[in-house]
Amino acid sequence: MDSKGAEERLTILLKHWMEHNRGHAREFVEWGENTKALGWTAVSEQIVGAAEQVDKANELLQRALNELGDS
């Protein structure tokens, strides 16, 4: 694969991964709310924390995508 082909493929993958992650983060937040409503505060905090980490991962993936656009 040449560099242009690799760049195109990686752009597609980065966008896909970020969208996929957003879906999981939404589910995590929903389950964080559900578990909190059940009184499982510690469980809720961990699930919401996982959603926050997914958001951080997406920030890094977005930076990678931006770097590709700058190269």
Protein backbone atom coordinates (compact mmCIF):
# COMPACT_ATOMS: atom_id res chain seq x y z
CA MET A 1 0.00 0.00 0.00
CA ASP A 2 1.38 3.40 -0.93
CA SER A 3 1.30 6.39 1.44
CA LYS A 4 -1.75 7.92 -0.26
CA GLY A 5 -3.67 4.65 0.05
CA ALA A 6 -2.59 4.28 3.67
CA GLU A 7 -3.68 7.84 4.43
CA GLU A 8 -7.11 7.28 2.88
CA ARG A 9 -7.59 3.99 4.73
CA LEU A 10 -6.44 5.43 8.05
CA THR A 11 -8.75 8.44 7.65
CA ILE A 12 -11.69 6.09 7.16
CA LEU A 13 -10.63 3.95 10.13
CA LEU A 14 -10.14 6.91 12.47
CA LYS A 15 -13.58 8.30 11.65
CA HIS A 16 -15.14 4.85 12.09
CA TRP A 17 -13.40 4.26 15.42
CA MET A 18 -14.51 7.63 16.77
CA GLU A 19 -18.14 7.03 15.80
CA HIS A 20 -18.02 3.53 17.24
CA ASN A 21 -16.57 4.91 20.47
CA ARG A 22 -19.27 7.59 20.69
CA GLY A 23 -21.92 4.86 20.56
CA HIS A 24 -20.26 2.97 23.39
CA ALA A 25 -19.83 6.15 25.45
CA ARG A 26 -23.56 6.90 25.09
CA GLU A 27 -24.38 3.38 26.31
CA PHE A 28 -21.97 3.74 29.21
CA VAL A 29 -23.58 7.00 30.30
CA GLU A 30 -27.04 5.42 30.03
CA TRP A 31 -25.96 2.47 32.16
CA GLY A 32 -24.22 4.79 34.55
CA GLU A 33 -27.53 6.57 35.08
CA ASN A 34 -29.40 3.25 35.39
CA THR A 35 -27.02 1.88 38.00
CA LYS A 36 -27.06 5.14 39.93
CA ALA A 37 -30.86 4.99 40.04
CA LEU A 38 -30.56 1.51 41.53
CA GLY A 39 -28.36 2.90 44.28
CA TRP A 40 -25.19 1.34 42.90
CA THR A 41 -23.19 4.55 43.16
CA ALA A 42 -19.73 2.97 43.03
CA VAL A 43 -20.67 0.94 39.96
CA SER A 44 -22.15 4.03 38.33
CA GLU A 45 -19.01 6.06 38.96
CA GLN A 46 -16.84 3.42 37.30
CA ILE A 47 -19.08 3.16 34.24
CA VAL A 48 -19.25 6.94 33.85
CA GLY A 49 -15.46 7.03 34.30
CA ALA A 50 -15.15 4.56 31.44
CA ALA A 51 -17.27 6.87 29.26
CA GLU A 52 -14.93 9.74 30.10
CA GLN A 53 -11.93 7.63 29.09
CA VAL A 54 -13.58 6.79 25.78
CA ASP A 55 -14.07 10.53 25.20
CA LYS A 56 -10.36 11.08 25.92
CA ALA A 57 -9.47 8.33 23.47
CA ASN A 58 -11.58 10.07 20.83
CA GLU A 59 -9.71 13.32 21.47
CA LEU A 60 -6.46 11.53 20.68
CA LEU A 61 -7.93 9.89 17.59
CA GLN A 62 -9.17 13.30 16.42
CA ARG A 63 -5.68 14.73 16.91
CA ALA A 64 -4.29 11.88 14.81
CA LEU A 65 -6.86 12.66 12.11
CA ASN A 66 -5.89 16.33 12.24
CA GLU A 67 -2.22 15.42 11.88
CA LEU A 68 -3.02 13.38 8.79
CA GLY A 69 -4.71 16.41 7.28
CA ASP A 70 -1.66 18.52 8.05
CA SER A 71 0.86 16.13 6.48
